[in-house]
Amino acid sequence: MSSANPPAISPLAPTSYPELPPIAGVRIATAEAGIRYAGRTDVLWVSLEAGTTAAGVFTRSKCPSAPVDWCRQALVEGGGAARALVVNSGNANAFTGLKGRDAVALTAEIAAKAGDCAPNAVFIASTGVIGEPLDARKFEGVLEACAARAETGASAWNAAARAIMTTDTFPKLATRRVEIGGVAVTLNGIAKGAGMIAPDMATMLSFAFTDAALPAHVLQELLAAGTRKSFNCVTVDGDTSTSDTLLLFATGKAGNPAIERADDPRLDAFRTALDEILIELAQLVAKDGEGARKFVTVLVEGAESDASAHRIALSIANSPLVKTAVAGEDANWGRVVMAVGKAGEPADRDRLAIWFGDVRVAHQGARDPDYSEAAASAVMREQDVTVRVDLGLGAGRARVWTCDLTKEYIAINGDYRS
């Protein structure tokens, strides 16, 4: 979208944003490289001090972007070591063939020089239009200048969250402070995403940082587990991006006791904090869904397994008919029945129960005997809407977050490249 006509801020946007504290070993700078947008930052540079470890999860799309391939390889070749992160908005560098691979290699070369490190210690992410070659020469001089003036503090984190936005209408930030073995550690996270959101691993682009001292294999296990209950539980439009990237960096500057196992009980508070940050960022993505006016939580209970419940919840959350009913504030529970039935998972029509908020609208395969159209419609008029389904088959349960589907979504995506 043209920077001359920025999208209106989502009505679901937070009323205030957290001030993210400094993290030792992390310095940030942003810049305008003119990749696609005029008059706005489109490059994020993060310097990471020596000793930083990294973990990542990425899209399972069979058409991944060149930066996704690069990061996967860097995690292996670099042994989980990281010294720099480069993110650009406006161009996804996806489906660009050999040109895309050359562009990401040149980006890493330029970044390695700026950060005085090996190219495989540089992590790269890109977001924006698919299929258009990225001119990596635009990073020349820009990344070196960023490295020279990189800083930390609340304003730097806020600028970082804004630099990676595309059709996002607000920055997405979260922070927590906990202890590991009696030593205080900090976690900060940022994310971007508003459309092409149905992660099959993580989400759009999201980056988390901590000063904790943790080896790469522990980070990887914690991140993978946290992803399953956060970013893999959010959807805007049912479309999985070619560029989905979630990275976690640990600088080790906090000086906490050595940890070698992800199940070490001294990590309990850290694990909870990381999960909370990932969930908070995932929910913010749904609240910034393109054209969104309502935030929707889908709860599925009583399934044969958690995995079955998750698939049914996604079937409901991704249904255009369900999402447009929410947009129109129509308590059309029949569309929820449809979405449950089409999911391909075990379900018994005569055991099914459905609630909108606290109002039960369907029970035992029929409309609830005490159904009240007025009460159900009142729930649908709320900004936050919960749809709950009980299949009555077992103990499986799942939770998914989404948003409604409005005419504005079509307007945004109908002229995305113009």
Protein backbone atom coordinates (compact mmCIF):
# COMPACT_ATOMS: atom_id res chain seq x y z
CA MET A 1 0.00 0.00 0.00
CA SER A 2 1.16 3.54 -0.66
CA SER A 3 2.68 5.37 2.29
CA ALA A 4 0.66 8.39 1.17
CA ASN A 5 -2.50 6.60 2.25
CA PRO A 6 -1.65 4.72 5.44
CA PRO A 7 -4.37 2.43 6.77
CA ALA A 8 -6.51 3.66 9.66
CA ILE A 9 -5.36 2.25 12.99
CA SER A 10 -7.30 -0.85 13.94
CA PRO A 11 -10.06 -0.23 16.50
CA LEU A 12 -8.62 -3.25 18.32
CA ALA A 13 -5.22 -1.58 18.77
CA PRO A 14 -3.90 -1.21 22.33
CA THR A 15 -4.62 2.10 24.01
CA SER A 16 -0.98 2.23 25.12
CA TYR A 17 2.25 0.44 24.28
CA PRO A 18 4.76 -1.05 26.71
CA GLU A 19 8.14 0.60 27.10
CA LEU A 20 10.65 -2.14 26.40
CA PRO A 21 13.75 -1.92 28.63
CA PRO A 22 17.33 -2.28 27.38
CA ILE A 23 18.72 -5.78 26.98
CA ALA A 24 22.45 -6.09 27.50
CA GLY A 25 24.15 -7.22 24.32
CA VAL A 26 21.39 -5.93 22.00
CA ARG A 27 21.64 -2.66 20.07
CA ILE A 28 19.12 -1.45 17.49
CA ALA A 29 18.93 0.95 14.57
CA THR A 30 16.42 1.54 11.77
CA ALA A 31 16.78 3.24 8.41
CA GLU A 32 15.08 4.21 5.16
CA ALA A 33 16.51 2.28 2.23
CA GLY A 34 13.70 2.98 -0.23
CA ILE A 35 12.99 -0.69 -0.82
CA ARG A 36 9.29 -0.08 -1.52
CA TYR A 37 7.90 2.59 0.74
CA ALA A 38 8.77 6.27 0.46
CA GLY A 39 9.28 8.39 3.54
CA ARG A 40 9.26 5.60 6.13
CA THR A 41 11.74 3.25 7.73
CA ASP A 42 11.99 -0.11 6.03
CA VAL A 43 15.18 -1.61 7.48
CA LEU A 44 15.82 -2.95 10.97
CA TRP A 45 19.37 -3.64 12.15
CA VAL A 46 20.09 -5.46 15.41
CA SER A 47 23.67 -5.88 16.69
CA LEU A 48 24.18 -8.89 18.94
CA GLU A 49 27.32 -9.19 21.07
CA ALA A 50 29.63 -12.18 20.80
CA GLY A 51 28.32 -15.18 22.71
CA THR A 52 24.70 -14.69 21.62
CA THR A 53 22.81 -17.91 20.88
CA ALA A 54 19.84 -18.26 18.55
CA ALA A 55 16.83 -20.48 17.82
CA GLY A 56 14.20 -20.30 15.13
CA VAL A 57 11.06 -21.80 13.67
CA PHE A 58 9.97 -21.12 10.12
CA THR A 59 7.17 -21.56 7.63
CA ARG A 60 6.38 -25.05 6.39
CA SER A 61 5.32 -23.59 3.07
CA LYS A 62 6.79 -25.53 0.16
CA CYS A 63 7.59 -22.17 -1.45
CA PRO A 64 9.70 -20.52 1.28
CA SER A 65 11.47 -17.23 0.81
CA ALA A 66 15.22 -16.96 0.29
CA PRO A 67 15.71 -15.44 3.79
CA VAL A 68 13.92 -18.43 5.36
CA ASP A 69 16.29 -20.81 3.60
CA TRP A 70 19.25 -18.66 4.71
CA CYS A 71 18.21 -18.64 8.38
CA ARG A 72 17.65 -22.38 8.46
CA GLN A 73 21.12 -22.93 7.07
CA ALA A 74 22.71 -20.32 9.34
CA LEU A 75 21.34 -22.04 12.45
CA VAL A 76 23.03 -25.27 11.37
CA GLU A 77 26.28 -23.90 9.97
CA GLY A 78 26.77 -21.35 12.74
CA GLY A 79 25.97 -23.78 15.52
CA GLY A 80 23.30 -21.46 16.92
CA ALA A 81 25.60 -18.44 17.18
CA ALA A 82 24.29 -15.00 16.17
CA ARG A 83 25.85 -11.55 15.80
CA ALA A 84 23.35 -9.58 13.72
CA LEU A 85 19.75 -9.48 12.51
CA VAL A 86 18.67 -7.65 9.34
CA VAL A 87 14.98 -7.22 8.53
CA ASN A 88 13.44 -5.34 5.62
CA SER A 89 9.82 -4.54 4.81
CA GLY A 90 8.29 -3.90 1.41
CA ASN A 91 9.78 -6.90 -0.40
CA ALA A 92 9.55 -10.54 0.74
CA ASN A 93 12.39 -11.76 -1.50
CA ALA A 94 10.21 -14.84 -2.07
CA PHE A 95 9.78 -16.75 -5.34
CA THR A 96 12.67 -14.80 -6.83
CA GLY A 97 14.83 -17.76 -7.90
CA LEU A 98 18.59 -17.43 -8.10
CA LYS A 99 18.28 -13.66 -7.86
CA GLY A 100 16.71 -14.09 -4.44
CA ARG A 101 19.50 -16.32 -3.20
CA ASP A 102 22.11 -13.92 -4.51
CA ALA A 103 20.31 -11.00 -2.84
CA VAL A 104 20.21 -12.67 0.56
CA ALA A 105 23.88 -13.70 0.25
CA LEU A 106 24.85 -10.13 -0.62
CA THR A 107 22.79 -8.82 2.28
CA ALA A 108 24.62 -11.18 4.64
CA GLU A 109 27.97 -10.11 3.19
CA ILE A 110 27.18 -6.43 3.71
CA ALA A 111 25.85 -7.12 7.22
CA ALA A 112 28.86 -9.25 8.16
CA LYS A 113 31.18 -6.42 7.23
CA ALA A 114 29.10 -3.93 9.21
CA GLY A 115 28.94 -6.23 12.23
CA ASP A 116 32.48 -7.56 11.99
CA CYS A 117 31.31 -11.16 11.98
CA ALA A 118 30.92 -14.20 9.75
CA PRO A 119 28.03 -14.20 7.24
CA ASN A 120 26.49 -17.30 8.84
CA ALA A 121 26.18 -15.34 12.11
CA VAL A 122 23.80 -12.95 10.32
CA PHE A 123 20.07 -13.69 10.36
CA ILE A 124 17.85 -12.17 7.68
CA ALA A 125 14.10 -11.74 7.30
CA SER A 126 12.07 -9.98 4.63
CA THR A 127 8.39 -9.13 4.35
CA GLY A 128 6.28 -7.59 1.61
CA VAL A 129 5.44 -8.32 -1.99
CA ILE A 130 6.17 -11.84 -3.33
CA GLY A 131 7.84 -12.37 -6.69
CA GLU A 132 9.69 -9.09 -7.05
CA PRO A 133 13.53 -9.19 -6.96
CA LEU A 134 15.13 -7.43 -3.99
CA ASP A 135 17.96 -5.07 -4.81
CA ALA A 136 20.34 -5.85 -1.93
CA ARG A 137 22.69 -3.10 -3.08
CA LYS A 138 20.34 -0.73 -1.29
CA PHE A 139 21.77 -2.06 1.98
CA GLU A 140 25.27 -0.86 1.10
CA GLY A 141 26.26 1.95 3.44
CA VAL A 142 22.89 1.70 5.22
CA LEU A 143 23.79 -1.27 7.42
CA GLU A 144 27.23 0.12 8.22
CA ALA A 145 25.63 3.39 9.31
CA CYS A 146 23.09 1.49 11.39
CA ALA A 147 25.81 -0.50 13.14
CA ALA A 148 27.65 2.71 13.99
CA ARG A 149 24.65 4.39 15.65
CA ALA A 150 22.76 1.39 17.05
CA GLU A 151 21.38 1.92 20.55
CA THR A 152 18.96 0.42 23.03
CA GLY A 153 16.06 1.69 25.10
CA ALA A 154 12.30 2.10 24.68
CA SER A 155 12.45 4.42 21.66
CA ALA A 156 14.77 2.03 19.81
CA TRP A 157 12.47 -0.93 20.41
CA ASN A 158 9.42 1.05 19.31
CA ALA A 159 11.22 2.12 16.13
CA ALA A 160 12.19 -1.51 15.50
CA ALA A 161 8.59 -2.68 15.72
CA ARG A 162 7.51 0.04 13.31
CA ALA A 163 10.27 -0.57 10.77
CA ILE A 164 9.09 -4.13 10.07
CA MET A 165 5.42 -3.19 9.49
CA THR A 166 3.76 -3.59 6.09
CA THR A 167 -0.06 -3.38 6.20
CA ASP A 168 0.10 -3.40 9.99
CA THR A 169 -1.65 -0.42 11.57
CA PHE A 170 0.18 -0.47 14.90
CA PRO A 171 3.47 -1.78 16.33
CA LYS A 172 3.44 -5.00 18.33
CA LEU A 173 5.66 -5.19 21.43
CA ALA A 174 5.79 -7.20 24.66
CA THR A 175 8.18 -7.54 27.60
CA ARG A 176 8.62 -9.57 30.79
CA ARG A 177 11.18 -9.72 33.62
CA VAL A 178 11.71 -12.91 35.64
CA GLU A 179 14.47 -14.82 37.42
CA ILE A 180 16.58 -17.83 36.54
CA GLY A 181 18.31 -19.33 39.56
CA GLY A 182 17.82 -16.12 41.53
CA VAL A 183 19.23 -13.90 38.74
CA ALA A 184 16.96 -11.36 37.04
CA VAL A 185 16.60 -11.70 33.27
CA THR A 186 14.64 -9.66 30.73
CA LEU A 187 12.69 -10.76 27.66
CA ASN A 188 11.53 -8.41 24.88
CA GLY A 189 9.56 -9.31 21.78
CA ILE A 190 8.29 -7.60 18.62
CA ALA A 191 6.18 -8.86 15.74
CA LYS A 192 4.57 -7.82 12.49
CA GLY A 193 1.62 -9.28 10.67
CA ALA A 194 -1.86 -8.34 9.51
CA GLY A 195 -2.60 -10.44 6.43
CA MET A 196 -1.53 -13.75 4.89
CA ILE A 197 -1.77 -15.09 8.42
CA ALA A 198 -2.32 -18.81 9.09
CA PRO A 199 1.00 -19.93 10.49
CA ASP A 200 2.11 -23.51 10.08
CA MET A 201 4.93 -23.16 12.58
CA ALA A 202 5.26 -19.61 13.79
CA THR A 203 4.07 -16.36 12.34
CA MET A 204 4.78 -13.65 9.84
CA LEU A 205 7.87 -12.07 11.39
CA SER A 206 8.55 -12.08 15.11
CA PHE A 207 11.75 -11.61 17.08
CA ALA A 208 12.36 -12.18 20.78
CA PHE A 209 15.46 -11.25 22.75
CA THR A 210 16.73 -12.00 26.24
CA ASP A 211 19.87 -11.38 28.26
CA ALA A 212 19.61 -14.87 29.75
CA ALA A 213 22.51 -17.28 29.26
CA LEU A 214 21.00 -20.30 27.52
CA PRO A 215 22.49 -22.71 24.98
CA ALA A 216 20.97 -22.87 21.52
CA HIS A 217 19.45 -26.34 21.97
CA VAL A 218 17.57 -25.20 25.08
CA LEU A 219 16.34 -22.08 23.31
CA GLN A 220 15.15 -24.18 20.38
CA GLU A 221 13.12 -26.52 22.57
CA LEU A 222 11.54 -23.66 24.51
CA LEU A 223 10.68 -21.75 21.34
CA ALA A 224 9.16 -24.74 19.57
CA ALA A 225 6.97 -25.53 22.57
CA GLY A 226 5.88 -21.91 22.96
CA THR A 227 5.03 -21.64 19.28
CA ARG A 228 2.53 -24.48 19.46
CA LYS A 229 0.34 -22.59 21.94
CA SER A 230 0.76 -19.10 20.50
CA PHE A 231 1.54 -18.34 16.87
CA ASN A 232 0.24 -21.70 15.66
CA CYS A 233 -3.08 -20.73 17.24
CA VAL A 234 -3.67 -17.51 15.31
CA THR A 235 -5.19 -16.98 11.89
CA VAL A 236 -6.43 -13.97 9.98
CA ASP A 237 -7.27 -15.27 6.52
CA GLY A 238 -6.19 -18.91 6.34
CA ASP A 239 -3.17 -18.21 4.13
CA THR A 240 0.26 -19.38 5.29
CA SER A 241 3.04 -16.97 4.35
CA THR A 242 6.16 -17.92 2.42
CA SER A 243 8.18 -15.84 4.87
CA ASP A 244 7.01 -16.83 8.36
CA THR A 245 10.00 -16.46 10.69
CA LEU A 246 10.23 -16.52 14.48
CA LEU A 247 13.68 -16.06 16.01
CA LEU A 248 14.79 -16.02 19.65
CA PHE A 249 18.18 -14.62 20.66
CA ALA A 250 19.91 -14.94 24.05
CA THR A 251 22.92 -12.71 24.71
CA GLY A 252 23.99 -14.39 27.97
CA LYS A 253 24.76 -11.06 29.64
CA ALA A 254 22.52 -11.65 32.68
CA GLY A 255 25.00 -14.10 34.17
CA ASN A 256 22.45 -16.64 35.38
CA PRO A 257 23.53 -20.15 36.44
CA ALA A 258 24.35 -22.54 33.61
CA ILE A 259 21.33 -24.37 32.21
CA GLU A 260 21.70 -27.45 30.01
CA ARG A 261 18.16 -28.85 29.84
CA ALA A 262 14.91 -27.22 28.75
CA ASP A 263 13.06 -29.06 31.53
CA ASP A 264 15.32 -27.63 34.26
CA PRO A 265 12.90 -26.39 36.97
CA ARG A 266 14.94 -23.19 37.28
CA LEU A 267 13.52 -22.30 33.84
CA ASP A 268 9.87 -22.51 34.90
CA ALA A 269 9.39 -18.74 35.27
CA PHE A 270 11.34 -18.03 32.08
CA ARG A 271 9.31 -20.57 30.13
CA THR A 272 6.06 -19.02 31.36
CA ALA A 273 7.27 -15.52 30.48
CA LEU A 274 8.34 -16.57 26.99
CA ASP A 275 4.99 -18.27 26.40
CA GLU A 276 3.17 -15.15 27.60
CA ILE A 277 5.14 -12.91 25.24
CA LEU A 278 4.49 -15.16 22.25
CA ILE A 279 0.78 -15.39 23.06
CA GLU A 280 0.52 -11.63 23.55
CA LEU A 281 2.20 -10.94 20.21
CA ALA A 282 0.05 -13.56 18.44
CA GLN A 283 -3.12 -11.96 19.79
CA LEU A 284 -1.94 -8.52 18.67
CA VAL A 285 -1.51 -9.91 15.15
CA ALA A 286 -5.13 -11.08 15.13
CA LYS A 287 -6.26 -7.71 16.50
CA ASP A 288 -4.46 -6.02 13.61
CA GLY A 289 -5.91 -8.37 10.99
CA GLU A 290 -6.47 -6.48 7.75
CA GLY A 291 -9.80 -4.68 8.04
CA ALA A 292 -10.52 -6.25 11.44
CA ARG A 293 -13.19 -4.78 13.67
CA LYS A 294 -13.65 -7.67 16.08
CA PHE A 295 -11.26 -10.00 17.94
CA VAL A 296 -12.52 -13.57 18.02
CA THR A 297 -11.53 -16.39 20.35
CA VAL A 298 -12.57 -19.89 19.28
CA LEU A 299 -12.62 -22.53 22.04
CA VAL A 300 -13.19 -26.18 21.21
CA GLU A 301 -13.70 -28.70 24.01
CA GLY A 302 -14.79 -32.30 24.27
CA ALA A 303 -12.87 -33.49 21.20
CA GLU A 304 -11.26 -36.91 20.89
CA SER A 305 -7.79 -35.29 21.16
CA ASP A 306 -6.13 -31.90 21.44
CA ALA A 307 -4.95 -32.20 17.83
CA SER A 308 -8.49 -32.90 16.64
CA ALA A 309 -9.80 -29.94 18.65
CA HIS A 310 -7.13 -27.71 17.11
CA ARG A 311 -8.12 -28.67 13.57
CA ILE A 312 -11.79 -28.06 14.31
CA ALA A 313 -11.02 -24.69 15.92
CA LEU A 314 -9.06 -23.64 12.83
CA SER A 315 -11.91 -24.79 10.59
CA ILE A 316 -14.22 -22.43 12.48
CA ALA A 317 -11.73 -19.56 12.67
CA ASN A 318 -10.87 -19.77 8.96
CA SER A 319 -14.44 -20.02 7.70
CA PRO A 320 -15.34 -16.93 5.62
CA LEU A 321 -18.98 -17.53 6.50
CA VAL A 322 -18.29 -17.55 10.24
CA LYS A 323 -16.02 -14.52 10.00
CA THR A 324 -18.49 -12.48 7.93
CA ALA A 325 -21.27 -13.38 10.36
CA VAL A 326 -19.15 -11.95 13.17
CA ALA A 327 -18.48 -8.85 11.07
CA GLY A 328 -22.23 -8.43 10.51
CA GLU A 329 -22.96 -9.10 14.20
CA ASP A 330 -25.19 -11.98 13.11
CA ALA A 331 -25.57 -14.81 15.64
CA ASN A 332 -25.62 -17.39 12.87
CA TRP A 333 -24.64 -20.51 14.80
CA GLY A 334 -25.52 -22.67 11.80
CA ARG A 335 -22.25 -21.56 10.21
CA VAL A 336 -20.35 -22.88 13.22
CA VAL A 337 -22.12 -26.23 12.79
CA MET A 338 -21.02 -26.20 9.15
CA ALA A 339 -17.40 -25.47 10.07
CA VAL A 340 -17.33 -28.28 12.64
CA GLY A 341 -18.80 -30.73 10.16
CA LYS A 342 -16.40 -29.93 7.34
CA ALA A 343 -13.26 -30.22 9.48
CA GLY A 344 -12.95 -33.95 8.78
CA GLU A 345 -12.56 -34.71 12.49
CA PRO A 346 -14.69 -36.96 14.72
CA ALA A 347 -17.94 -35.21 15.66
CA ASP A 348 -21.43 -36.28 16.70
CA ARG A 349 -24.18 -33.93 15.63
CA ASP A 350 -26.43 -35.00 18.51
CA ARG A 351 -23.80 -34.24 21.16
CA LEU A 352 -22.74 -30.87 19.83
CA ALA A 353 -23.21 -27.72 21.92
CA ILE A 354 -22.34 -24.16 20.86
CA TRP A 355 -22.04 -20.92 22.82
CA PHE A 356 -21.62 -17.30 21.73
CA GLY A 357 -20.05 -15.78 24.82
CA ASP A 358 -22.01 -17.18 27.77
CA VAL A 359 -25.13 -17.72 25.69
CA ARG A 360 -25.74 -21.32 24.66
CA VAL A 361 -27.31 -21.24 21.22
CA ALA A 362 -27.28 -24.93 20.24
CA HIS A 363 -27.52 -28.13 22.26
CA GLN A 364 -27.74 -31.84 21.42
CA GLY A 365 -28.02 -31.35 17.69
CA ALA A 366 -30.64 -28.59 17.70
CA ARG A 367 -31.28 -25.01 18.71
CA ASP A 368 -31.11 -24.56 22.46
CA PRO A 369 -34.62 -24.72 24.01
CA ASP A 370 -33.93 -21.47 25.86
CA TYR A 371 -32.35 -19.73 22.87
CA SER A 372 -32.65 -15.96 22.93
CA GLU A 373 -31.92 -14.09 19.71
CA ALA A 374 -31.61 -10.84 21.67
CA ALA A 375 -29.04 -12.28 24.07
CA ALA A 376 -27.00 -13.91 21.29
CA SER A 377 -27.08 -10.74 19.19
CA ALA A 378 -25.89 -8.69 22.17
CA VAL A 379 -22.79 -10.90 22.38
CA MET A 380 -22.09 -10.39 18.67
CA ARG A 381 -22.16 -6.62 19.13
CA GLU A 382 -19.20 -6.79 21.50
CA GLN A 383 -15.70 -5.98 20.23
CA ASP A 384 -14.34 -9.24 21.66
CA VAL A 385 -16.38 -12.30 20.69
CA THR A 386 -15.90 -15.84 22.01
CA VAL A 387 -17.25 -18.85 20.13
CA ARG A 388 -17.22 -22.04 22.21
CA VAL A 389 -17.95 -25.54 20.99
CA ASP A 390 -18.28 -28.73 23.05
CA LEU A 391 -18.20 -31.92 20.98
CA GLY A 392 -19.03 -34.20 23.91
CA LEU A 393 -16.62 -36.91 22.77
CA GLY A 394 -13.54 -36.70 24.97
CA ALA A 395 -11.06 -34.47 26.80
CA GLY A 396 -9.40 -32.80 23.79
CA ARG A 397 -9.40 -29.00 23.77
CA ALA A 398 -7.86 -26.15 21.79
CA ARG A 399 -7.94 -22.37 21.54
CA VAL A 400 -7.48 -20.26 18.41
CA TRP A 401 -7.59 -16.50 17.87
CA THR A 402 -8.82 -14.75 14.75
CA CYS A 403 -10.74 -11.67 13.61
CA ASP A 404 -13.78 -10.88 11.53
CA LEU A 405 -13.75 -10.55 7.74
CA THR A 406 -14.83 -7.13 6.45
CA LYS A 407 -15.03 -5.25 3.16
CA GLU A 408 -11.85 -3.44 4.15
CA TYR A 409 -9.89 -6.70 3.90
CA ILE A 410 -10.86 -6.88 0.23
CA ALA A 411 -9.95 -3.22 -0.31
CA ILE A 412 -6.51 -3.68 1.26
CA ASN A 413 -5.65 -6.82 -0.66
CA GLY A 414 -7.33 -5.87 -3.91
CA ASP A 415 -4.77 -3.08 -4.52
CA TYR A 416 -1.84 -4.31 -2.38
CA ARG A 417 0.70 -3.91 -5.20
CA SER A 418 -0.64 -0.63 -6.56
